[in-house]
Amino acid sequence: QVQVVETGGGLVQAGGSLRLSCIVSGRTVSSLTMGWFRQTPGKEREFVAAMSWMGGSLNYADSVKGRFTISRDNEKNTLYLQMNSLKPEDTAVYSCAVHYRGTYYAPSAYNSWGQGTQVTVSS
């Protein structure tokens, strides 16, 4: 059974950067297609980015293109989300998950969700 744990969230000023980590156990990250999502209170989970098990990024949400980068370290069995030029509207709980079927930008296509990590961007 795959388990994931997200770390790296925090409070940052607008324009700053954070790197989120998603530590994977139970399977090798190189065998998994995975995604990052974010959610704010009262809203549905929103797709941020996804990476294919083959190693290439699948897509980014329009709102983060050019600012966020998804990557992974196979030796550390960890998925990352580098977030630059952060904006207050990026404030959310960020979660990673494992894609198992269906459209890669749909939360319903994923399982093995982590608890999430809070990112707060102050203006």
N, C-alpha and C. Protein backbone atom coordinates (compact mmCIF):
# COMPACT_ATOMS: atom_id res chain seq x y z
N GLN A 1 0.84 -1.18 0.00
CA GLN A 1 0.00 0.00 0.00
C GLN A 1 0.88 1.24 0.00
N VAL A 2 0.56 2.18 -0.90
CA VAL A 2 1.35 3.39 -1.01
C VAL A 2 0.89 4.40 0.04
N GLN A 3 1.86 5.01 0.70
CA GLN A 3 1.57 6.10 1.62
C GLN A 3 2.41 7.30 1.24
N VAL A 4 1.86 8.50 1.46
CA VAL A 4 2.59 9.73 1.15
C VAL A 4 2.48 10.68 2.32
N VAL A 5 3.53 11.46 2.52
CA VAL A 5 3.55 12.47 3.56
C VAL A 5 4.09 13.75 2.96
N GLU A 6 3.34 14.83 3.08
CA GLU A 6 3.75 16.11 2.54
C GLU A 6 4.43 16.95 3.63
N THR A 7 5.48 17.63 3.24
CA THR A 7 6.16 18.56 4.14
C THR A 7 6.56 19.79 3.34
N GLY A 8 6.97 20.83 4.06
CA GLY A 8 7.54 22.00 3.41
C GLY A 8 6.67 23.23 3.37
N GLY A 9 5.45 23.11 3.84
CA GLY A 9 4.58 24.28 3.84
C GLY A 9 5.03 25.30 4.87
N GLY A 10 4.39 26.46 4.83
CA GLY A 10 4.73 27.50 5.78
C GLY A 10 4.15 28.83 5.37
N LEU A 11 4.63 29.86 6.06
CA LEU A 11 4.19 31.23 5.79
C LEU A 11 5.29 31.94 5.01
N VAL A 12 4.91 32.57 3.92
CA VAL A 12 5.88 33.27 3.07
C VAL A 12 5.24 34.55 2.54
N GLN A 13 6.06 35.54 2.29
CA GLN A 13 5.55 36.78 1.71
C GLN A 13 5.33 36.63 0.21
N ALA A 14 4.44 37.42 -0.31
CA ALA A 14 4.19 37.42 -1.74
C ALA A 14 5.50 37.67 -2.49
N GLY A 15 5.69 36.89 -3.55
CA GLY A 15 6.93 36.97 -4.31
C GLY A 15 7.99 35.97 -3.86
N GLY A 16 7.76 35.34 -2.73
CA GLY A 16 8.71 34.39 -2.20
C GLY A 16 8.55 33.00 -2.80
N SER A 17 9.34 32.07 -2.24
CA SER A 17 9.36 30.70 -2.76
C SER A 17 9.24 29.68 -1.62
N LEU A 18 8.73 28.53 -1.97
CA LEU A 18 8.69 27.37 -1.08
C LEU A 18 8.87 26.13 -1.93
N ARG A 19 9.44 25.09 -1.32
CA ARG A 19 9.50 23.80 -1.98
C ARG A 19 8.77 22.77 -1.12
N LEU A 20 7.76 22.19 -1.67
CA LEU A 20 7.02 21.15 -0.98
C LEU A 20 7.59 19.78 -1.34
N SER A 21 7.59 18.90 -0.36
CA SER A 21 8.05 17.53 -0.58
C SER A 21 6.92 16.56 -0.32
N CYS A 22 6.89 15.50 -1.07
CA CYS A 22 5.92 14.43 -0.90
C CYS A 22 6.73 13.13 -0.79
N ILE A 23 6.89 12.64 0.42
CA ILE A 23 7.71 11.47 0.68
C ILE A 23 6.85 10.22 0.47
N VAL A 24 7.28 9.36 -0.42
CA VAL A 24 6.50 8.19 -0.80
C VAL A 24 7.06 6.93 -0.16
N SER A 25 6.19 6.07 0.34
CA SER A 25 6.60 4.76 0.84
C SER A 25 5.64 3.71 0.31
N GLY A 26 6.13 2.48 0.19
CA GLY A 26 5.31 1.40 -0.28
C GLY A 26 5.48 1.08 -1.76
N ARG A 27 5.91 2.04 -2.53
CA ARG A 27 6.20 1.86 -3.96
C ARG A 27 7.31 2.85 -4.31
N THR A 28 7.99 2.57 -5.40
CA THR A 28 9.00 3.52 -5.85
C THR A 28 8.31 4.64 -6.63
N VAL A 29 8.73 5.87 -6.35
CA VAL A 29 8.09 7.02 -6.99
C VAL A 29 8.25 6.95 -8.51
N SER A 30 9.30 6.32 -8.97
CA SER A 30 9.53 6.23 -10.41
C SER A 30 8.53 5.33 -11.12
N SER A 31 7.74 4.57 -10.35
CA SER A 31 6.72 3.70 -10.95
C SER A 31 5.33 4.31 -10.88
N LEU A 32 5.25 5.52 -10.36
CA LEU A 32 3.95 6.14 -10.09
C LEU A 32 3.74 7.41 -10.89
N THR A 33 2.53 7.60 -11.40
CA THR A 33 2.10 8.91 -11.88
C THR A 33 1.46 9.61 -10.69
N MET A 34 1.92 10.81 -10.41
CA MET A 34 1.48 11.48 -9.20
C MET A 34 1.09 12.92 -9.49
N GLY A 35 0.31 13.48 -8.57
CA GLY A 35 -0.12 14.86 -8.77
C GLY A 35 -0.10 15.64 -7.48
N TRP A 36 -0.08 16.95 -7.65
CA TRP A 36 -0.25 17.89 -6.55
C TRP A 36 -1.60 18.60 -6.72
N PHE A 37 -2.30 18.74 -5.63
CA PHE A 37 -3.57 19.46 -5.59
C PHE A 37 -3.55 20.45 -4.45
N ARG A 38 -4.47 21.39 -4.48
CA ARG A 38 -4.59 22.32 -3.36
C ARG A 38 -6.06 22.59 -3.09
N GLN A 39 -6.32 22.97 -1.85
CA GLN A 39 -7.70 23.19 -1.45
C GLN A 39 -7.77 24.29 -0.41
N THR A 40 -8.75 25.17 -0.56
CA THR A 40 -9.04 26.19 0.43
C THR A 40 -10.42 25.91 1.01
N PRO A 41 -10.68 26.42 2.21
CA PRO A 41 -11.96 26.12 2.88
C PRO A 41 -13.16 26.49 2.02
N GLY A 42 -14.09 25.56 1.92
CA GLY A 42 -15.32 25.81 1.19
C GLY A 42 -15.21 25.61 -0.30
N LYS A 43 -14.03 25.27 -0.77
CA LYS A 43 -13.84 25.07 -2.21
C LYS A 43 -13.42 23.63 -2.50
N GLU A 44 -13.62 23.24 -3.74
CA GLU A 44 -13.21 21.90 -4.14
C GLU A 44 -11.71 21.84 -4.34
N ARG A 45 -11.21 20.62 -4.25
CA ARG A 45 -9.79 20.41 -4.48
C ARG A 45 -9.44 20.82 -5.92
N GLU A 46 -8.33 21.51 -6.06
CA GLU A 46 -7.93 22.05 -7.35
C GLU A 46 -6.63 21.42 -7.83
N PHE A 47 -6.61 21.00 -9.09
CA PHE A 47 -5.40 20.44 -9.68
C PHE A 47 -4.32 21.50 -9.78
N VAL A 48 -3.09 21.10 -9.45
CA VAL A 48 -1.95 22.02 -9.57
C VAL A 48 -0.96 21.52 -10.62
N ALA A 49 -0.51 20.27 -10.48
CA ALA A 49 0.48 19.73 -11.41
C ALA A 49 0.52 18.22 -11.30
N ALA A 50 0.98 17.57 -12.35
CA ALA A 50 1.11 16.12 -12.34
C ALA A 50 2.37 15.70 -13.07
N MET A 51 2.91 14.58 -12.63
CA MET A 51 4.11 14.02 -13.25
C MET A 51 3.88 12.57 -13.61
N SER A 52 4.23 12.21 -14.82
CA SER A 52 4.09 10.84 -15.29
C SER A 52 5.12 9.93 -14.64
N TRP A 53 4.80 8.67 -14.51
CA TRP A 53 5.76 7.70 -13.99
C TRP A 53 7.01 7.64 -14.88
N MET A 54 6.87 8.04 -16.15
CA MET A 54 8.03 8.04 -17.05
C MET A 54 8.97 9.21 -16.77
N GLY A 55 8.51 10.15 -15.96
CA GLY A 55 9.41 11.21 -15.53
C GLY A 55 9.11 12.59 -16.07
N GLY A 56 8.20 12.70 -17.02
CA GLY A 56 7.90 14.01 -17.56
C GLY A 56 6.67 14.62 -16.88
N SER A 57 6.65 15.95 -16.80
CA SER A 57 5.47 16.59 -16.24
C SER A 57 4.32 16.46 -17.24
N LEU A 58 3.13 16.22 -16.71
CA LEU A 58 1.96 16.03 -17.56
C LEU A 58 1.31 17.36 -17.90
N ASN A 59 1.17 18.19 -16.88
CA ASN A 59 0.56 19.49 -17.11
C ASN A 59 0.61 20.28 -15.82
N TYR A 60 0.36 21.56 -15.96
CA TYR A 60 0.21 22.46 -14.84
C TYR A 60 -1.10 23.22 -14.99
N ALA A 61 -1.66 23.58 -13.86
CA ALA A 61 -2.82 24.47 -13.90
C ALA A 61 -2.37 25.80 -14.50
N ASP A 62 -3.25 26.43 -15.26
CA ASP A 62 -2.90 27.71 -15.88
C ASP A 62 -2.45 28.73 -14.84
N SER A 63 -3.04 28.66 -13.67
CA SER A 63 -2.75 29.65 -12.63
C SER A 63 -1.33 29.54 -12.07
N VAL A 64 -0.66 28.41 -12.32
CA VAL A 64 0.69 28.23 -11.75
C VAL A 64 1.76 28.05 -12.82
N LYS A 65 1.37 27.98 -14.07
CA LYS A 65 2.35 27.78 -15.15
C LYS A 65 3.39 28.89 -15.14
N GLY A 66 4.65 28.48 -15.27
CA GLY A 66 5.73 29.45 -15.27
C GLY A 66 6.22 29.81 -13.88
N ARG A 67 5.49 29.41 -12.84
CA ARG A 67 5.88 29.73 -11.46
C ARG A 67 6.18 28.46 -10.66
N PHE A 68 5.45 27.40 -10.91
CA PHE A 68 5.62 26.15 -10.17
C PHE A 68 6.28 25.11 -11.05
N THR A 69 7.08 24.24 -10.41
CA THR A 69 7.73 23.15 -11.13
C THR A 69 7.60 21.87 -10.33
N ILE A 70 7.10 20.83 -10.99
CA ILE A 70 7.01 19.51 -10.35
C ILE A 70 8.23 18.70 -10.75
N SER A 71 8.77 17.97 -9.79
CA SER A 71 9.95 17.14 -10.07
C SER A 71 9.97 15.99 -9.06
N ARG A 72 10.94 15.12 -9.22
CA ARG A 72 11.08 14.04 -8.25
C ARG A 72 12.54 13.63 -8.13
N ASP A 73 12.83 12.99 -7.01
CA ASP A 73 14.15 12.43 -6.75
C ASP A 73 13.94 10.94 -6.51
N ASN A 74 14.33 10.12 -7.46
CA ASN A 74 14.09 8.68 -7.34
C ASN A 74 14.86 8.07 -6.17
N GLU A 75 16.05 8.57 -5.91
CA GLU A 75 16.85 8.01 -4.81
C GLU A 75 16.21 8.30 -3.47
N LYS A 76 15.60 9.46 -3.35
CA LYS A 76 14.94 9.82 -2.10
C LYS A 76 13.47 9.40 -2.09
N ASN A 77 13.02 8.85 -3.21
CA ASN A 77 11.61 8.42 -3.33
C ASN A 77 10.66 9.55 -2.96
N THR A 78 10.94 10.70 -3.50
CA THR A 78 10.21 11.92 -3.12
C THR A 78 9.80 12.72 -4.35
N LEU A 79 8.58 13.22 -4.29
CA LEU A 79 8.05 14.13 -5.31
C LEU A 79 8.12 15.54 -4.74
N TYR A 80 8.43 16.51 -5.60
CA TYR A 80 8.56 17.89 -5.14
C TYR A 80 7.63 18.82 -5.91
N LEU A 81 7.35 19.96 -5.29
CA LEU A 81 6.69 21.06 -5.97
C LEU A 81 7.42 22.33 -5.58
N GLN A 82 8.20 22.85 -6.53
CA GLN A 82 8.90 24.11 -6.31
C GLN A 82 7.96 25.24 -6.69
N MET A 83 7.72 26.13 -5.75
CA MET A 83 6.77 27.22 -5.97
C MET A 83 7.50 28.54 -5.87
N ASN A 84 7.55 29.27 -6.96
CA ASN A 84 8.20 30.58 -7.00
C ASN A 84 7.18 31.67 -7.28
N SER A 85 7.59 32.89 -7.02
CA SER A 85 6.72 34.06 -7.27
C SER A 85 5.33 33.83 -6.68
N LEU A 86 5.32 33.42 -5.44
CA LEU A 86 4.04 33.08 -4.80
C LEU A 86 3.15 34.30 -4.64
N LYS A 87 1.85 34.03 -4.75
CA LYS A 87 0.83 35.07 -4.64
C LYS A 87 -0.12 34.73 -3.49
N PRO A 88 -0.77 35.71 -2.93
CA PRO A 88 -1.74 35.41 -1.85
C PRO A 88 -2.80 34.39 -2.28
N GLU A 89 -3.17 34.39 -3.54
CA GLU A 89 -4.17 33.42 -4.00
C GLU A 89 -3.64 31.99 -4.09
N ASP A 90 -2.35 31.80 -3.86
CA ASP A 90 -1.79 30.45 -3.79
C ASP A 90 -1.98 29.84 -2.40
N THR A 91 -2.47 30.63 -1.45
CA THR A 91 -2.70 30.14 -0.10
C THR A 91 -3.70 28.98 -0.13
N ALA A 92 -3.30 27.84 0.44
CA ALA A 92 -4.14 26.64 0.42
C ALA A 92 -3.42 25.52 1.18
N VAL A 93 -4.15 24.44 1.39
CA VAL A 93 -3.53 23.20 1.84
C VAL A 93 -3.16 22.42 0.58
N TYR A 94 -1.90 22.07 0.47
CA TYR A 94 -1.38 21.35 -0.70
C TYR A 94 -1.21 19.88 -0.35
N SER A 95 -1.71 19.03 -1.25
CA SER A 95 -1.64 17.59 -1.04
C SER A 95 -1.09 16.90 -2.28
N CYS A 96 -0.41 15.81 -2.06
CA CYS A 96 0.00 14.97 -3.19
C CYS A 96 -0.80 13.67 -3.14
N ALA A 97 -0.86 13.01 -4.28
CA ALA A 97 -1.63 11.78 -4.37
C ALA A 97 -1.14 10.96 -5.55
N VAL A 98 -1.55 9.70 -5.56
CA VAL A 98 -1.16 8.76 -6.60
C VAL A 98 -2.29 8.59 -7.61
N HIS A 99 -1.96 8.77 -8.88
CA HIS A 99 -2.96 8.59 -9.93
C HIS A 99 -3.17 7.11 -10.19
N TYR A 100 -4.41 6.68 -10.27
CA TYR A 100 -4.66 5.27 -10.57
C TYR A 100 -5.50 5.06 -11.82
N ARG A 101 -6.38 6.01 -12.19
CA ARG A 101 -7.13 5.87 -13.43
C ARG A 101 -7.84 7.17 -13.74
N GLY A 102 -8.12 7.36 -15.00
CA GLY A 102 -8.92 8.51 -15.39
C GLY A 102 -8.11 9.74 -15.68
N THR A 103 -8.81 10.83 -15.83
CA THR A 103 -8.21 12.10 -16.19
C THR A 103 -7.27 12.59 -15.11
N TYR A 104 -6.04 12.90 -15.47
CA TYR A 104 -5.01 13.16 -14.46
C TYR A 104 -5.26 14.45 -13.70
N TYR A 105 -6.13 15.35 -14.19
CA TYR A 105 -6.36 16.58 -13.46
C TYR A 105 -7.60 16.50 -12.56
N ALA A 106 -8.24 15.33 -12.51
CA ALA A 106 -9.42 15.15 -11.67
C ALA A 106 -9.04 14.50 -10.35
N PRO A 107 -9.42 15.09 -9.21
CA PRO A 107 -9.10 14.47 -7.92
C PRO A 107 -9.62 13.05 -7.79
N SER A 108 -10.74 12.75 -8.42
CA SER A 108 -11.32 11.40 -8.34
C SER A 108 -10.45 10.35 -8.99
N ALA A 109 -9.46 10.77 -9.78
CA ALA A 109 -8.57 9.83 -10.45
C ALA A 109 -7.40 9.41 -9.57
N TYR A 110 -7.37 9.93 -8.36
CA TYR A 110 -6.24 9.71 -7.46
C TYR A 110 -6.66 9.00 -6.18
N ASN A 111 -5.68 8.32 -5.58
CA ASN A 111 -5.88 7.79 -4.25
C ASN A 111 -4.58 7.97 -3.47
N SER A 112 -4.52 7.36 -2.29
CA SER A 112 -3.34 7.47 -1.42
C SER A 112 -2.99 8.93 -1.15
N TRP A 113 -3.97 9.68 -0.71
CA TRP A 113 -3.77 11.09 -0.39
C TRP A 113 -3.02 11.23 0.94
N GLY A 114 -2.20 12.27 1.00
CA GLY A 114 -1.55 12.61 2.26
C GLY A 114 -2.43 13.55 3.06
N GLN A 115 -1.93 13.95 4.22
CA GLN A 115 -2.67 14.87 5.10
C GLN A 115 -2.63 16.29 4.57
N GLY A 116 -1.65 16.60 3.76
CA GLY A 116 -1.53 17.95 3.23
C GLY A 116 -0.61 18.81 4.07
N THR A 117 -0.17 19.90 3.47
CA THR A 117 0.67 20.86 4.16
C THR A 117 0.17 22.26 3.82
N GLN A 118 0.08 23.09 4.84
CA GLN A 118 -0.50 24.42 4.68
C GLN A 118 0.53 25.39 4.10
N VAL A 119 0.12 26.09 3.06
CA VAL A 119 0.93 27.18 2.49
C VAL A 119 0.12 28.46 2.63
N THR A 120 0.74 29.45 3.28
CA THR A 120 0.09 30.74 3.46
C THR A 120 0.99 31.83 2.88
N VAL A 121 0.44 32.60 1.96
CA VAL A 121 1.20 33.66 1.31
C VAL A 121 0.60 35.00 1.74
N SER A 122 1.41 35.80 2.40
CA SER A 122 0.93 37.09 2.88
C SER A 122 1.22 38.18 1.84
N SER A 123 0.35 39.16 1.81
CA SER A 123 0.51 40.25 0.83
C SER A 123 1.36 41.38 1.39
